[in-house]
Protein backbone atom coordinates (compact mmCIF):
# COMPACT_ATOMS: atom_id res chain seq x y z
CA MET A 1 0.50 -0.01 -0.20
CA GLY A 2 0.81 3.73 -0.52
CA GLN A 3 1.82 3.63 -3.49
CA ASP A 4 -1.47 4.39 -4.82
CA ARG A 5 -1.50 8.08 -5.91
CA GLY A 6 -5.46 8.51 -5.87
CA SER A 7 -6.95 9.27 -9.17
CA PRO A 8 -5.99 13.06 -10.12
CA HIS A 9 -8.37 14.68 -12.47
CA SER A 10 -7.63 16.78 -16.05
CA PHE A 11 -8.79 19.71 -16.00
CA PRO A 12 -10.40 21.12 -18.53
CA THR A 13 -8.31 24.02 -20.76
CA TRP A 14 -10.08 27.29 -21.68
CA GLY A 15 -8.68 29.44 -25.17
CA GLY A 16 -5.50 29.36 -27.22
CA GLY A 17 -3.76 32.66 -26.90
CA PRO A 18 -0.54 32.97 -28.22
CA GLN A 19 1.12 29.83 -26.67
CA GLY A 20 -1.21 27.93 -28.31
CA ARG A 21 -2.67 25.50 -26.78
CA ARG A 22 -4.03 27.13 -23.29
CA GLY A 23 -1.62 25.19 -20.76
CA ALA A 24 1.36 24.54 -21.88
CA VAL A 25 3.96 26.83 -23.91
CA ALA A 26 7.19 24.65 -25.70
CA THR A 27 10.90 26.17 -24.74
CA GLN A 28 14.21 25.28 -26.37
CA THR A 29 16.70 23.90 -23.96
CA SER A 30 20.37 24.36 -24.49
CA THR A 31 20.74 20.67 -26.49
CA GLY A 32 18.23 21.90 -28.59
CA CYS A 33 15.15 19.45 -27.15
CA GLU A 34 12.48 21.10 -26.88
CA THR A 35 10.01 20.37 -23.73
CA SER A 36 6.32 21.51 -22.29
CA VAL A 37 5.83 23.44 -19.20
CA ALA A 38 2.39 23.74 -18.08
CA MET A 39 0.98 26.89 -17.17
CA PRO A 40 -0.12 27.98 -13.52
CA LEU A 41 -3.71 27.05 -12.96
CA SER A 42 -5.55 31.16 -13.08
CA LEU A 43 -7.87 32.71 -11.14
CA GLN A 44 -10.60 32.71 -13.57
CA GLU A 45 -10.15 28.72 -13.71
CA ALA A 46 -10.16 28.39 -9.91
CA GLN A 47 -13.37 30.94 -9.75
CA ALA A 48 -14.91 28.35 -12.81
CA ALA A 49 -14.26 24.74 -10.37
CA ILE A 50 -15.71 26.85 -7.77
CA SER A 51 -18.59 27.71 -9.87
CA ARG A 52 -19.52 24.51 -10.74
CA ALA A 53 -18.64 22.62 -7.03
CA HIS A 54 -21.06 25.21 -5.98
CA ALA A 55 -24.06 24.01 -8.94
CA LYS A 56 -23.32 20.52 -7.71
CA ALA A 57 -23.84 21.57 -4.29
CA ARG A 58 -27.19 23.11 -5.59
CA GLU A 59 -28.01 20.41 -6.82
CA LEU A 60 -27.63 18.53 -4.20
CA GLY A 61 -29.11 20.49 -1.66
CA ILE A 62 -26.65 21.26 0.09
CA HIS A 63 -24.28 24.64 1.16
CA VAL A 64 -21.28 24.38 0.88
CA THR A 65 -17.69 26.20 1.27
CA VAL A 66 -14.67 25.06 -2.24
CA ALA A 67 -11.23 25.66 -1.88
CA VAL A 68 -8.81 25.60 -4.85
CA VAL A 69 -4.84 26.00 -4.38
CA ASP A 70 -2.19 25.99 -6.93
CA GLU A 71 0.32 23.63 -7.24
CA GLY A 72 2.98 24.87 -3.92
CA GLY A 73 -0.54 24.54 -1.99
CA LEU A 74 -0.75 28.40 -1.78
CA LEU A 75 -4.65 29.72 -2.17
CA ILE A 76 -6.14 30.94 -5.25
CA ALA A 77 -9.57 30.95 -4.36
CA LEU A 78 -12.37 30.55 -1.58
CA GLY A 79 -16.19 30.03 -2.09
CA LYS A 80 -18.03 30.06 0.81
CA MET A 81 -22.42 29.78 -0.29
CA ASP A 82 -25.06 31.40 1.73
CA GLY A 83 -25.70 28.95 4.31
CA ALA A 84 -22.30 27.18 4.79
CA ILE A 85 -20.65 26.20 8.44
CA PRO A 86 -18.37 28.74 9.58
CA LEU A 87 -15.39 26.40 9.99
CA SER A 88 -16.11 24.24 6.45
CA PRO A 89 -13.79 27.41 4.76
CA GLN A 90 -11.36 26.23 6.97
CA ILE A 91 -11.77 22.79 6.50
CA ALA A 92 -11.79 22.77 2.78
CA GLU A 93 -8.66 24.68 2.16
CA SER A 94 -7.00 22.29 4.56
CA LYS A 95 -7.79 18.92 2.22
CA ALA A 96 -6.90 20.80 -1.06
CA VAL A 97 -3.74 21.83 0.74
CA GLY A 98 -2.76 18.56 2.46
CA ALA A 99 -3.66 16.49 -1.26
CA ILE A 100 -2.07 18.91 -3.63
CA MET A 101 1.28 18.89 -0.67
CA LEU A 102 0.86 15.32 -0.32
CA GLY A 103 0.07 14.41 -3.89
CA ARG A 104 -2.67 12.77 -3.46
CA ASP A 105 -7.02 12.30 -3.23
CA GLY A 106 -9.00 13.04 -0.19
CA ALA A 107 -9.37 8.56 -0.23
CA SER A 108 -6.11 7.60 -0.44
CA LEU A 109 -4.97 10.52 2.20
CA ALA A 110 -7.15 8.82 4.84
CA GLU A 111 -6.00 5.22 3.67
CA LEU A 112 -2.29 7.25 3.94
CA SER A 113 -3.10 8.23 7.31
CA LYS A 114 -4.30 4.87 8.35
CA ASP A 115 -1.75 2.97 7.31
CA ARG A 116 1.78 5.12 8.01
CA PRO A 117 0.12 6.86 11.21
CA GLY A 118 4.26 8.21 11.80
CA PHE A 119 4.77 9.57 8.77
CA PHE A 120 1.40 11.42 8.72
CA SER A 121 1.48 13.07 11.57
CA VAL A 122 5.18 14.63 10.45
CA ALA A 123 3.65 15.58 7.03
CA ASP A 124 0.76 17.45 8.86
CA ARG A 125 3.44 19.47 10.90
CA LEU A 126 5.45 20.03 7.81
CA VAL A 127 3.09 22.23 6.02
CA ARG A 128 1.17 25.37 6.88
CA LEU A 129 -2.65 23.75 7.85
CA PRO A 130 -3.63 20.79 9.19
CA ILE A 131 -4.17 18.12 6.50
CA VAL A 132 -7.57 16.97 6.15
CA PRO A 133 -7.66 13.50 4.70
CA GLY A 134 -10.91 11.84 3.35
CA LEU A 135 -13.55 12.42 0.73
CA GLY A 136 -13.92 15.84 -0.57
CA SER A 137 -10.93 17.13 -2.34
CA VAL A 138 -9.38 15.78 -5.36
CA LEU A 139 -6.59 16.74 -7.50
CA ILE A 140 -6.15 19.51 -10.55
CA LYS A 141 -4.59 17.96 -13.73
CA ARG A 142 -3.98 19.19 -17.60
CA GLY A 143 -2.23 16.47 -19.23
CA ASP A 144 0.53 14.84 -17.12
CA SER A 145 0.91 18.37 -14.94
CA VAL A 146 -0.46 18.57 -11.16
CA LEU A 147 -1.26 22.19 -10.97
CA GLY A 148 -3.52 22.37 -8.29
CA ALA A 149 -6.33 20.60 -6.03
CA VAL A 150 -9.56 21.27 -5.30
CA GLY A 151 -11.12 20.90 -1.61
CA VAL A 152 -14.79 21.07 -0.25
CA SER A 153 -16.97 20.63 2.75
CA GLY A 154 -19.68 21.43 4.56
CA GLY A 155 -21.74 18.27 2.88
CA ARG A 156 -21.34 14.89 4.20
CA PRO A 157 -18.07 13.43 2.14
CA GLU A 158 -19.28 11.62 -0.37
CA GLN A 159 -21.06 14.74 -1.39
CA ASP A 160 -18.30 16.55 -0.68
CA LEU A 161 -16.49 14.33 -2.78
CA GLU A 162 -19.24 14.22 -5.13
CA CYS A 163 -18.67 18.68 -5.47
CA ALA A 164 -15.33 18.43 -5.98
CA GLN A 165 -15.22 16.49 -8.87
CA ALA A 166 -17.79 18.66 -10.87
CA GLY A 167 -15.34 21.17 -10.01
CA ILE A 168 -13.24 20.06 -11.77
CA SER A 169 -15.08 18.08 -14.64
CA ALA A 170 -15.14 19.98 -17.81
CA GLY A 171 -18.60 21.82 -17.55
């Protein structure tokens, strides 16, 4: 166990732009080889993910908070629905930070905390927020690059996961 890194999802891409296909920039190395570097997650993309997750929450009849963090675990955007519990912003962000910092979705984090409690305890102290394992966080990927994570709090664990997955879907 411990090898499964969860099931990261591909994040939808928007538009084109000067880089060609949005999400990647071709660069030339000193050896003449071309490499592809992922563009960071934009505020617009983060806000769109929050909107999709909130739409799913309304469909489920719940009130949630959605946090989107970048590849370094820093908050890009947070959206708290009217009626969401007061602690849900902190929990949603902690779910997202844990997912990105350990490269696993929430379910895999829960397994890790159960299977390797010593490691999990140390990792939890090394990040800026407590890691919240369990359903409700997913990695955001574009191609093979991990761009960030979405964390959701406010519903039952399965509902939080549904909202997080809706947030990263192609809408």
